[in-house]
Amino acid sequence: MTNKLFCFGMGFSARLVADQLAADGWQIAGTTRTAEKAERLEQQGYEAVLFDDNHPIKDIKAALNGVTHVLISTPPGGDGDPVIKHHGVDLAALPEGTWIGYLSTTGVYGDRDGGEVTEDDELMPTGKRGRRRVAAEKAWFDLGQRHGLCVQSFRLAGIYGPGRNALETVKSGRARRIVKPGQVFSRIHVHDIAQTVLASIKHPNCGAAYNVCDDDAAPPQDVIAHACGLLGVDPPPLQDFATAKLSPMAASFYEDNKRVINTRIKQELGVKLRYPDYQAGLLALYDEMNDRKDRQ
C-alpha cells in the first residue's frame, strides 16, 4: 500500500516534508487558502483542497481517502484549533494508529529568564499566541488518546531557511540590531525541521512532544552581525530595546527568553542536525545564494 500524507496547511515547513516524502514515492495531499495556490500544487502533482478557519473542506471524506499520515501546520485562532473544530470528528474516524504530527512552537514554555527548558518542563505561556498553542496541543493529544491516533507535537523554535533568513533581512534593508541584555532566541533551519518530522514518521512515539531547535540559542543582534559579515556590509547600529520603536508583534517576541534543549530529538529519533548553529545555517544559505547567481 502506498503511504499518503495529508497536510493541513502547505506552508514553509510542511511543504518541505511533503516534497521529501513525494520523492520517496508517497502520495501527497494538502490544504491551501486560495484557488491559485491550489492550482499550483495540482500542477506539481499534489492533491489540493481549499481550507481556512472559516471554510471547512467541502468533501472531507474524499480528501482523507487513503490517508495514512497527517501533518498539521495551521495555527490556532481565537476559537481554538481550526482543524479540530471543523474536522476533528473526521480525523477521529481514521484507522487506529494513524500518525498525526502537529507543528507547535517553543512559545508554549513562556519566559524562563534565559534558563534552559526541556519537554518535561511545565508549559507556562506568556502571551495570547502561546496560550492558544498550549490549548491546541492539549486538544490534539486528547484526540489521539480518545481515538487511538498516534499524535506527536513538534515545538519549533524560530524558523529560517531559503528565502527566509537574516541574509535576506539585511539585503532588504530591514535589518536592525536590537539589544536586550541577556536576551537569546533558539532557532531551527527548515531542513532540520523536515528531518525531525521524517524521523518521527519512521520511529513514531505516540503522545511525545519534541523540541526542534539547534544547539546554539543566541542573541538576535549577533545573528544580524554575522549575516552582515558574510555579505560584506557594515552592520546596522545597536539599538537599546527599551527605547527602540518596535511594533507590538515584534516587541512580543522579546517577552520570552529561554534556551531550548533539543536532546530528545537526538536520543529518541537519532537526529543529527545538519545546521547545529546559525553560523552553519547562514553560511550554507550564503553559498546557495552565490550558486544561484553563478547559474544565472
C-alpha atoms as a PDB file:
ATOM      1  CA  MET A   1       0.000   0.000   0.000  1.00  0.00           C
ATOM      2  CA  THR A   2       1.280   3.464  -0.886  1.00  0.00           C
ATOM      3  CA  ASN A   3       1.598   5.828   2.043  1.00  0.00           C
ATOM      4  CA  LYS A   4      -0.310   9.078   1.764  1.00  0.00           C
ATOM      5  CA  LEU A   5       0.366  12.287   3.680  1.00  0.00           C
ATOM      6  CA  PHE A   6      -2.331  14.901   4.152  1.00  0.00           C
ATOM      7  CA  CYS A   7      -1.118  18.350   5.218  1.00  0.00           C
ATOM      8  CA  PHE A   8      -3.447  20.833   6.825  1.00  0.00           C
ATOM      9  CA  GLY A   9      -1.511  23.852   5.602  1.00  0.00           C
ATOM     10  CA  MET A  10       1.199  23.500   2.950  1.00  0.00           C
ATOM     11  CA  GLY A  11       3.456  26.181   4.380  1.00  0.00           C
ATOM     12  CA  PHE A  12       7.213  26.679   4.644  1.00  0.00           C
ATOM     13  CA  SER A  13       7.931  23.668   6.865  1.00  0.00           C
ATOM     14  CA  ALA A  14       5.160  21.262   5.860  1.00  0.00           C
ATOM     15  CA  ARG A  15       5.908  21.744   2.174  1.00  0.00           C
ATOM     16  CA  LEU A  16       9.494  20.566   2.595  1.00  0.00           C
ATOM     17  CA  VAL A  17       8.326  17.445   4.447  1.00  0.00           C
ATOM     18  CA  ALA A  18       5.816  16.789   1.669  1.00  0.00           C
ATOM     19  CA  ASP A  19       8.406  17.273  -1.076  1.00  0.00           C
ATOM     20  CA  GLN A  20      10.818  14.829   0.520  1.00  0.00           C
ATOM     21  CA  LEU A  21       8.142  12.179   1.024  1.00  0.00           C
ATOM     22  CA  ALA A  22       6.907  12.665  -2.551  1.00  0.00           C
ATOM     23  CA  ALA A  23      10.441  11.976  -3.750  1.00  0.00           C
ATOM     24  CA  ASP A  24      10.204   8.644  -1.901  1.00  0.00           C
ATOM     25  CA  GLY A  25       7.013   7.726  -3.729  1.00  0.00           C
ATOM     26  CA  TRP A  26       4.404   8.911  -1.245  1.00  0.00           C
ATOM     27  CA  GLN A  27       1.106  10.396  -2.345  1.00  0.00           C
ATOM     28  CA  ILE A  28       0.681  13.957  -1.089  1.00  0.00           C
ATOM     29  CA  ALA A  29      -2.450  15.968  -0.473  1.00  0.00           C
ATOM     30  CA  GLY A  30      -2.970  19.182   1.414  1.00  0.00           C
ATOM     31  CA  THR A  31      -4.862  22.359   2.008  1.00  0.00           C
ATOM     32  CA  THR A  32      -4.327  25.936   0.938  1.00  0.00           C
ATOM     33  CA  ARG A  33      -6.316  29.128   1.287  1.00  0.00           C
ATOM     34  CA  THR A  34      -6.610  30.213  -2.350  1.00  0.00           C
ATOM     35  CA  ALA A  35      -7.592  28.654  -5.653  1.00  0.00           C
ATOM     36  CA  GLU A  36      -4.405  29.993  -7.242  1.00  0.00           C
ATOM     37  CA  LYS A  37      -2.179  28.176  -4.757  1.00  0.00           C
ATOM     38  CA  ALA A  38      -4.294  25.054  -5.095  1.00  0.00           C
ATOM     39  CA  GLU A  39      -3.784  25.114  -8.851  1.00  0.00           C
ATOM     40  CA  ARG A  40      -0.023  25.413  -8.422  1.00  0.00           C
ATOM     41  CA  LEU A  41       0.029  22.438  -6.064  1.00  0.00           C
ATOM     42  CA  GLU A  42      -2.021  20.387  -8.532  1.00  0.00           C
ATOM     43  CA  GLN A  43       0.445  21.257 -11.295  1.00  0.00           C
ATOM     44  CA  GLN A  44       3.220  19.862  -9.114  1.00  0.00           C
ATOM     45  CA  GLY A  45       1.411  16.562  -8.744  1.00  0.00           C
ATOM     46  CA  TYR A  46      -0.217  17.116  -5.349  1.00  0.00           C
ATOM     47  CA  GLU A  47      -3.889  16.881  -4.477  1.00  0.00           C
ATOM     48  CA  ALA A  48      -5.065  20.251  -3.177  1.00  0.00           C
ATOM     49  CA  VAL A  49      -8.225  21.380  -1.399  1.00  0.00           C
ATOM     50  CA  LEU A  50      -9.333  24.732  -0.030  1.00  0.00           C
ATOM     51  CA  PHE A  51      -9.494  25.239   3.739  1.00  0.00           C
ATOM     52  CA  ASP A  52      -9.244  28.068   6.244  1.00  0.00           C
ATOM     53  CA  ASP A  53     -10.570  28.975   9.682  1.00  0.00           C
ATOM     54  CA  ASN A  54     -13.991  29.868   8.315  1.00  0.00           C
ATOM     55  CA  HIS A  55     -14.305  27.397   5.443  1.00  0.00           C
ATOM     56  CA  PRO A  56     -14.119  23.663   6.161  1.00  0.00           C
ATOM     57  CA  ILE A  57     -13.206  21.209   3.428  1.00  0.00           C
ATOM     58  CA  LYS A  58     -16.308  20.539   1.349  1.00  0.00           C
ATOM     59  CA  ASP A  59     -15.737  16.837   0.709  1.00  0.00           C
ATOM     60  CA  ILE A  60     -13.587  15.802   3.655  1.00  0.00           C
ATOM     61  CA  LYS A  61     -14.232  12.072   3.171  1.00  0.00           C
ATOM     62  CA  ALA A  62     -12.787  12.213  -0.331  1.00  0.00           C
ATOM     63  CA  ALA A  63      -9.900  14.375   0.871  1.00  0.00           C
ATOM     64  CA  LEU A  64      -8.920  11.882   3.585  1.00  0.00           C
ATOM     65  CA  ASN A  65      -9.413   8.806   1.436  1.00  0.00           C
ATOM     66  CA  GLY A  66      -6.345   6.576   1.674  1.00  0.00           C
ATOM     67  CA  VAL A  67      -4.543   8.883   4.105  1.00  0.00           C
ATOM     68  CA  THR A  68      -2.002   7.148   6.360  1.00  0.00           C
ATOM     69  CA  HIS A  69      -0.294  10.203   7.894  1.00  0.00           C
ATOM     70  CA  VAL A  70      -1.475  13.716   8.774  1.00  0.00           C
ATOM     71  CA  LEU A  71       0.615  16.840   9.366  1.00  0.00           C
ATOM     72  CA  ILE A  72      -0.928  19.985  10.831  1.00  0.00           C
ATOM     73  CA  SER A  73       0.783  23.357  10.455  1.00  0.00           C
ATOM     74  CA  THR A  74      -2.236  25.669  10.687  1.00  0.00           C
ATOM     75  CA  PRO A  75      -2.088  27.977  13.725  1.00  0.00           C
ATOM     76  CA  PRO A  76      -4.875  28.111  16.298  1.00  0.00           C
ATOM     77  CA  GLY A  77      -7.162  31.115  16.421  1.00  0.00           C
ATOM     78  CA  GLY A  78      -9.449  32.648  18.971  1.00  0.00           C
ATOM     79  CA  ASP A  79     -11.901  29.766  18.507  1.00  0.00           C
ATOM     80  CA  GLY A  80      -9.240  27.114  19.046  1.00  0.00           C
ATOM     81  CA  ASP A  81      -7.595  24.830  16.532  1.00  0.00           C
ATOM     82  CA  PRO A  82      -9.438  25.180  13.203  1.00  0.00           C
ATOM     83  CA  VAL A  83      -8.684  21.631  12.074  1.00  0.00           C
ATOM     84  CA  ILE A  84     -10.129  20.048  15.206  1.00  0.00           C
ATOM     85  CA  LYS A  85     -13.041  22.486  15.182  1.00  0.00           C
ATOM     86  CA  HIS A  86     -14.064  21.626  11.633  1.00  0.00           C
ATOM     87  CA  HIS A  87     -12.689  18.132  11.091  1.00  0.00           C
ATOM     88  CA  GLY A  88     -11.836  16.555  14.446  1.00  0.00           C
ATOM     89  CA  VAL A  89     -14.670  14.053  14.036  1.00  0.00           C
ATOM     90  CA  ASP A  90     -13.442  13.140  10.551  1.00  0.00           C
ATOM     91  CA  LEU A  91      -9.889  12.590  11.755  1.00  0.00           C
ATOM     92  CA  ALA A  92     -11.141  10.528  14.684  1.00  0.00           C
ATOM     93  CA  ALA A  93     -12.564   8.105  12.131  1.00  0.00           C
ATOM     94  CA  LEU A  94      -9.123   7.390  10.619  1.00  0.00           C
ATOM     95  CA  PRO A  95      -7.660   3.920  11.285  1.00  0.00           C
ATOM     96  CA  GLU A  96      -6.284   3.334  14.750  1.00  0.00           C
ATOM     97  CA  GLY A  97      -2.595   4.151  14.957  1.00  0.00           C
ATOM     98  CA  THR A  98      -2.652   6.770  12.186  1.00  0.00           C
ATOM     99  CA  TRP A  99       0.362   9.075  12.586  1.00  0.00           C
ATOM    100  CA  ILE A 100      -0.539  12.705  13.260  1.00  0.00           C
ATOM    101  CA  GLY A 101       2.132  15.381  13.605  1.00  0.00           C
ATOM    102  CA  TYR A 102       1.306  18.802  14.994  1.00  0.00           C
ATOM    103  CA  LEU A 103       3.711  21.684  14.317  1.00  0.00           C
ATOM    104  CA  SER A 104       3.638  23.742  17.508  1.00  0.00           C
ATOM    105  CA  THR A 105       6.103  26.324  18.856  1.00  0.00           C
ATOM    106  CA  THR A 106       8.510  26.731  21.748  1.00  0.00           C
ATOM    107  CA  GLY A 107       6.250  29.617  22.798  1.00  0.00           C
ATOM    108  CA  VAL A 108       4.344  27.062  24.894  1.00  0.00           C
ATOM    109  CA  TYR A 109       7.085  27.350  27.543  1.00  0.00           C
ATOM    110  CA  GLY A 110       6.834  31.099  28.046  1.00  0.00           C
ATOM    111  CA  ASP A 111       9.619  33.116  29.649  1.00  0.00           C
ATOM    112  CA  ARG A 112      12.385  31.376  31.640  1.00  0.00           C
ATOM    113  CA  ASP A 113      14.646  34.419  32.151  1.00  0.00           C
ATOM    114  CA  GLY A 114      17.330  32.882  29.939  1.00  0.00           C
ATOM    115  CA  GLY A 115      17.179  29.469  31.594  1.00  0.00           C
ATOM    116  CA  GLU A 116      17.051  26.085  29.933  1.00  0.00           C
ATOM    117  CA  VAL A 117      13.818  24.308  29.097  1.00  0.00           C
ATOM    118  CA  THR A 118      13.089  20.701  28.117  1.00  0.00           C
ATOM    119  CA  GLU A 119       9.961  18.846  27.054  1.00  0.00           C
ATOM    120  CA  ASP A 120       9.449  17.715  30.654  1.00  0.00           C
ATOM    121  CA  ASP A 121       9.081  21.266  31.961  1.00  0.00           C
ATOM    122  CA  GLU A 122       5.732  22.811  32.762  1.00  0.00           C
ATOM    123  CA  LEU A 123       4.068  24.793  29.987  1.00  0.00           C
ATOM    124  CA  MET A 124       3.751  28.416  31.124  1.00  0.00           C
ATOM    125  CA  PRO A 125       2.971  30.526  28.045  1.00  0.00           C
ATOM    126  CA  THR A 126       3.444  34.273  28.358  1.00  0.00           C
ATOM    127  CA  GLY A 127       1.168  35.734  25.696  1.00  0.00           C
ATOM    128  CA  LYS A 128      -2.032  35.004  23.836  1.00  0.00           C
ATOM    129  CA  ARG A 129      -0.356  33.096  20.987  1.00  0.00           C
ATOM    130  CA  GLY A 130       1.452  30.814  23.430  1.00  0.00           C
ATOM    131  CA  ARG A 131      -1.724  30.088  25.389  1.00  0.00           C
ATOM    132  CA  ARG A 132      -3.523  29.185  22.175  1.00  0.00           C
ATOM    133  CA  ARG A 133      -0.732  26.784  21.253  1.00  0.00           C
ATOM    134  CA  VAL A 134      -0.881  25.058  24.630  1.00  0.00           C
ATOM    135  CA  ALA A 135      -4.627  24.594  24.252  1.00  0.00           C
ATOM    136  CA  ALA A 136      -4.216  23.299  20.697  1.00  0.00           C
ATOM    137  CA  GLU A 137      -1.536  20.790  21.724  1.00  0.00           C
ATOM    138  CA  LYS A 138      -3.768  19.512  24.501  1.00  0.00           C
ATOM    139  CA  ALA A 139      -6.678  19.173  22.092  1.00  0.00           C
ATOM    140  CA  TRP A 140      -4.577  17.115  19.675  1.00  0.00           C
ATOM    141  CA  PHE A 141      -3.165  14.848  22.366  1.00  0.00           C
ATOM    142  CA  ASP A 142      -6.666  14.359  23.794  1.00  0.00           C
ATOM    143  CA  LEU A 143      -7.991  13.461  20.346  1.00  0.00           C
ATOM    144  CA  GLY A 144      -5.216  10.925  19.927  1.00  0.00           C
ATOM    145  CA  GLN A 145      -5.825   9.302  23.299  1.00  0.00           C
ATOM    146  CA  ARG A 146      -9.589   9.071  22.806  1.00  0.00           C
ATOM    147  CA  HIS A 147      -9.446   7.564  19.332  1.00  0.00           C
ATOM    148  CA  GLY A 148      -6.178   5.622  19.222  1.00  0.00           C
ATOM    149  CA  LEU A 149      -4.345   8.033  16.934  1.00  0.00           C
ATOM    150  CA  CYS A 150      -0.573   8.396  17.181  1.00  0.00           C
ATOM    151  CA  VAL A 151      -0.182  12.123  17.877  1.00  0.00           C
ATOM    152  CA  GLN A 152       3.203  13.823  18.232  1.00  0.00           C
ATOM    153  CA  SER A 153       3.891  17.525  18.753  1.00  0.00           C
ATOM    154  CA  PHE A 154       6.909  19.342  17.334  1.00  0.00           C
ATOM    155  CA  ARG A 155       7.718  22.507  19.260  1.00  0.00           C
ATOM    156  CA  LEU A 156       9.538  24.605  16.694  1.00  0.00           C
ATOM    157  CA  ALA A 157      11.977  27.380  17.531  1.00  0.00           C
ATOM    158  CA  GLY A 158      12.409  30.416  15.248  1.00  0.00           C
ATOM    159  CA  ILE A 159      12.336  29.054  11.694  1.00  0.00           C
ATOM    160  CA  TYR A 160      14.717  30.136   8.958  1.00  0.00           C
ATOM    161  CA  GLY A 161      15.765  28.751   5.595  1.00  0.00           C
ATOM    162  CA  PRO A 162      15.901  29.588   1.876  1.00  0.00           C
ATOM    163  CA  GLY A 163      14.277  32.958   1.221  1.00  0.00           C
ATOM    164  CA  ARG A 164      13.544  33.495   4.908  1.00  0.00           C
ATOM    165  CA  ASN A 165      16.648  34.334   6.895  1.00  0.00           C
ATOM    166  CA  ALA A 166      18.902  37.074   8.259  1.00  0.00           C
ATOM    167  CA  LEU A 167      20.760  37.391   4.951  1.00  0.00           C
ATOM    168  CA  GLU A 168      17.532  38.310   3.199  1.00  0.00           C
ATOM    169  CA  THR A 169      16.657  40.730   6.004  1.00  0.00           C
ATOM    170  CA  VAL A 170      19.996  42.503   5.613  1.00  0.00           C
ATOM    171  CA  LYS A 171      19.742  42.612   1.820  1.00  0.00           C
ATOM    172  CA  SER A 172      16.259  44.113   2.028  1.00  0.00           C
ATOM    173  CA  GLY A 173      17.458  46.936   4.272  1.00  0.00           C
ATOM    174  CA  ARG A 174      15.122  45.887   7.107  1.00  0.00           C
ATOM    175  CA  ALA A 175      17.794  44.589   9.486  1.00  0.00           C
ATOM    176  CA  ARG A 176      18.007  46.030  12.998  1.00  0.00           C
ATOM    177  CA  ARG A 177      20.237  45.085  15.909  1.00  0.00           C
ATOM    178  CA  ILE A 178      18.022  45.330  18.946  1.00  0.00           C
ATOM    179  CA  VAL A 179      19.845  44.687  22.219  1.00  0.00           C
ATOM    180  CA  LYS A 180      18.003  43.485  25.305  1.00  0.00           C
ATOM    181  CA  PRO A 181      20.606  42.420  27.911  1.00  0.00           C
ATOM    182  CA  GLY A 182      20.695  38.656  28.365  1.00  0.00           C
ATOM    183  CA  GLN A 183      18.139  38.000  25.604  1.00  0.00           C
ATOM    184  CA  VAL A 184      18.618  34.871  23.494  1.00  0.00           C
ATOM    185  CA  PHE A 185      16.485  33.081  20.920  1.00  0.00           C
ATOM    186  CA  SER A 186      16.571  29.478  19.773  1.00  0.00           C
ATOM    187  CA  ARG A 187      16.395  28.816  16.038  1.00  0.00           C
ATOM    188  CA  ILE A 188      15.984  25.947  13.589  1.00  0.00           C
ATOM    189  CA  HIS A 189      16.716  25.540   9.891  1.00  0.00           C
ATOM    190  CA  VAL A 190      13.720  24.298   7.937  1.00  0.00           C
ATOM    191  CA  HIS A 191      15.712  21.312   6.641  1.00  0.00           C
ATOM    192  CA  ASP A 192      16.281  20.171  10.225  1.00  0.00           C
ATOM    193  CA  ILE A 193      12.563  20.508  10.913  1.00  0.00           C
ATOM    194  CA  ALA A 194      11.886  18.242   7.961  1.00  0.00           C
ATOM    195  CA  GLN A 195      14.415  15.608   9.000  1.00  0.00           C
ATOM    196  CA  THR A 196      12.975  15.566  12.535  1.00  0.00           C
ATOM    197  CA  VAL A 197       9.413  15.064  11.305  1.00  0.00           C
ATOM    198  CA  LEU A 198      10.566  12.348   8.894  1.00  0.00           C
ATOM    199  CA  ALA A 199      12.440  10.607  11.711  1.00  0.00           C
ATOM    200  CA  SER A 200       9.257  10.620  13.798  1.00  0.00           C
ATOM    201  CA  ILE A 201       7.314   9.072  10.914  1.00  0.00           C
ATOM    202  CA  LYS A 202       9.877   6.260  10.787  1.00  0.00           C
ATOM    203  CA  HIS A 203      10.011   5.836  14.571  1.00  0.00           C
ATOM    204  CA  PRO A 204       6.698   7.102  15.994  1.00  0.00           C
ATOM    205  CA  ASN A 205       6.316   7.657  19.714  1.00  0.00           C
ATOM    206  CA  CYS A 206       2.641   8.294  20.328  1.00  0.00           C
ATOM    207  CA  GLY A 207       1.999  11.160  22.725  1.00  0.00           C
ATOM    208  CA  ALA A 208       5.538  12.555  22.536  1.00  0.00           C
ATOM    209  CA  ALA A 209       6.468  16.217  22.318  1.00  0.00           C
ATOM    210  CA  TYR A 210       9.767  17.254  20.738  1.00  0.00           C
ATOM    211  CA  ASN A 211      11.744  20.470  20.980  1.00  0.00           C
ATOM    212  CA  VAL A 212      13.001  21.210  17.473  1.00  0.00           C
ATOM    213  CA  CYS A 213      15.837  23.716  17.653  1.00  0.00           C
ATOM    214  CA  ASP A 214      19.558  23.946  17.025  1.00  0.00           C
ATOM    215  CA  ASP A 215      22.304  23.748  19.642  1.00  0.00           C
ATOM    216  CA  ASP A 216      23.012  27.461  19.985  1.00  0.00           C
ATOM    217  CA  ALA A 217      20.480  29.863  21.457  1.00  0.00           C
ATOM    218  CA  ALA A 218      21.961  33.250  20.604  1.00  0.00           C
ATOM    219  CA  PRO A 219      21.300  36.992  20.886  1.00  0.00           C
ATOM    220  CA  PRO A 220      19.458  38.295  17.795  1.00  0.00           C
ATOM    221  CA  GLN A 221      21.954  41.116  17.223  1.00  0.00           C
ATOM    222  CA  ASP A 222      24.745  38.550  16.821  1.00  0.00           C
ATOM    223  CA  VAL A 223      22.876  36.789  14.023  1.00  0.00           C
ATOM    224  CA  ILE A 224      22.396  40.027  12.097  1.00  0.00           C
ATOM    225  CA  ALA A 225      26.059  40.936  12.569  1.00  0.00           C
ATOM    226  CA  HIS A 226      27.120  37.527  11.245  1.00  0.00           C
ATOM    227  CA  ALA A 227      24.880  37.892   8.198  1.00  0.00           C
ATOM    228  CA  CYS A 228      26.379  41.318   7.525  1.00  0.00           C
ATOM    229  CA  GLY A 229      29.858  39.835   7.760  1.00  0.00           C
ATOM    230  CA  LEU A 230      29.029  37.174   5.179  1.00  0.00           C
ATOM    231  CA  LEU A 231      27.593  39.800   2.837  1.00  0.00           C
ATOM    232  CA  GLY A 232      30.493  42.184   3.369  1.00  0.00           C
ATOM    233  CA  VAL A 233      28.394  45.095   4.612  1.00  0.00           C
ATOM    234  CA  ASP A 234      28.514  47.162   7.771  1.00  0.00           C
ATOM    235  CA  PRO A 235      26.066  46.016  10.433  1.00  0.00           C
ATOM    236  CA  PRO A 236      23.309  48.421  11.486  1.00  0.00           C
ATOM    237  CA  PRO A 237      23.877  50.311  14.739  1.00  0.00           C
ATOM    238  CA  LEU A 238      22.962  48.726  18.022  1.00  0.00           C
ATOM    239  CA  GLN A 239      19.641  49.879  19.471  1.00  0.00           C
ATOM    240  CA  ASP A 240      18.514  49.579  23.078  1.00  0.00           C
ATOM    241  CA  PHE A 241      15.332  47.510  23.340  1.00  0.00           C
ATOM    242  CA  ALA A 242      13.995  49.888  25.994  1.00  0.00           C
ATOM    243  CA  THR A 243      13.954  52.819  23.570  1.00  0.00           C
ATOM    244  CA  ALA A 244      13.635  51.043  20.202  1.00  0.00           C
ATOM    245  CA  LYS A 245      10.405  51.671  18.340  1.00  0.00           C
ATOM    246  CA  LEU A 246       9.013  48.206  17.671  1.00  0.00           C
ATOM    247  CA  SER A 247       5.602  47.057  16.532  1.00  0.00           C
ATOM    248  CA  PRO A 248       3.564  45.249  19.204  1.00  0.00           C
ATOM    249  CA  MET A 249       4.151  41.991  17.325  1.00  0.00           C
ATOM    250  CA  ALA A 250       7.924  42.499  17.135  1.00  0.00           C
ATOM    251  CA  ALA A 251       8.130  43.543  20.788  1.00  0.00           C
ATOM    252  CA  SER A 252       6.146  40.483  21.872  1.00  0.00           C
ATOM    253  CA  PHE A 253       8.925  38.156  20.724  1.00  0.00           C
ATOM    254  CA  TYR A 254      11.199  39.667  23.381  1.00  0.00           C
ATOM    255  CA  GLU A 255       8.793  38.729  26.175  1.00  0.00           C
ATOM    256  CA  ASP A 256      10.184  35.183  26.233  1.00  0.00           C
ATOM    257  CA  ASN A 257      13.840  34.480  26.986  1.00  0.00           C
ATOM    258  CA  LYS A 258      14.935  30.855  27.198  1.00  0.00           C
ATOM    259  CA  ARG A 259      17.422  28.279  25.970  1.00  0.00           C
ATOM    260  CA  VAL A 260      15.533  25.381  24.433  1.00  0.00           C
ATOM    261  CA  ILE A 261      17.180  21.961  24.853  1.00  0.00           C
ATOM    262  CA  ASN A 262      16.946  19.507  21.925  1.00  0.00           C
ATOM    263  CA  THR A 263      18.373  16.343  23.497  1.00  0.00           C
ATOM    264  CA  ARG A 264      15.196  14.293  22.953  1.00  0.00           C
ATOM    265  CA  ILE A 265      15.199  14.510  19.134  1.00  0.00           C
ATOM    266  CA  LYS A 266      18.783  13.277  19.147  1.00  0.00           C
ATOM    267  CA  GLN A 267      18.314  10.434  21.608  1.00  0.00           C
ATOM    268  CA  GLU A 268      14.844   9.190  20.607  1.00  0.00           C
ATOM    269  CA  LEU A 269      14.812   9.976  16.883  1.00  0.00           C
ATOM    270  CA  GLY A 270      18.505   9.793  16.054  1.00  0.00           C
ATOM    271  CA  VAL A 271      18.512  13.292  14.579  1.00  0.00           C
ATOM    272  CA  LYS A 272      21.912  14.687  13.664  1.00  0.00           C
ATOM    273  CA  LEU A 273      21.417  18.342  12.947  1.00  0.00           C
ATOM    274  CA  ARG A 274      22.505  19.444   9.515  1.00  0.00           C
ATOM    275  CA  TYR A 275      22.836  23.009  10.825  1.00  0.00           C
ATOM    276  CA  PRO A 276      23.670  22.881  14.565  1.00  0.00           C
ATOM    277  CA  ASP A 277      24.036  26.654  14.870  1.00  0.00           C
ATOM    278  CA  TYR A 278      23.118  29.813  12.995  1.00  0.00           C
ATOM    279  CA  GLN A 279      26.671  30.213  11.646  1.00  0.00           C
ATOM    280  CA  ALA A 280      26.458  26.891   9.792  1.00  0.00           C
ATOM    281  CA  GLY A 281      22.940  27.616   8.577  1.00  0.00           C
ATOM    282  CA  LEU A 282      23.689  31.110   7.286  1.00  0.00           C
ATOM    283  CA  LEU A 283      26.920  30.000   5.610  1.00  0.00           C
ATOM    284  CA  ALA A 284      25.039  27.286   3.707  1.00  0.00           C
ATOM    285  CA  LEU A 285      22.351  29.769   2.672  1.00  0.00           C
ATOM    286  CA  TYR A 286      25.043  32.252   1.582  1.00  0.00           C
ATOM    287  CA  ASP A 287      26.703  29.554  -0.548  1.00  0.00           C
ATOM    288  CA  GLU A 288      23.337  28.634  -2.080  1.00  0.00           C
ATOM    289  CA  MET A 289      22.723  32.285  -2.870  1.00  0.00           C
ATOM    290  CA  ASN A 290      26.048  32.535  -4.697  1.00  0.00           C
ATOM    291  CA  ASP A 291      25.428  29.268  -6.538  1.00  0.00           C
ATOM    292  CA  ARG A 292      22.160  30.673  -7.895  1.00  0.00           C
ATOM    293  CA  LYS A 293      23.971  33.800  -9.074  1.00  0.00           C
ATOM    294  CA  ASP A 294      26.559  31.673 -10.873  1.00  0.00           C
ATOM    295  CA  ARG A 295      23.845  29.721 -12.690  1.00  0.00           C
ATOM    296  CA  GLN A 296      22.060  32.848 -13.893  1.00  0.00           C
END
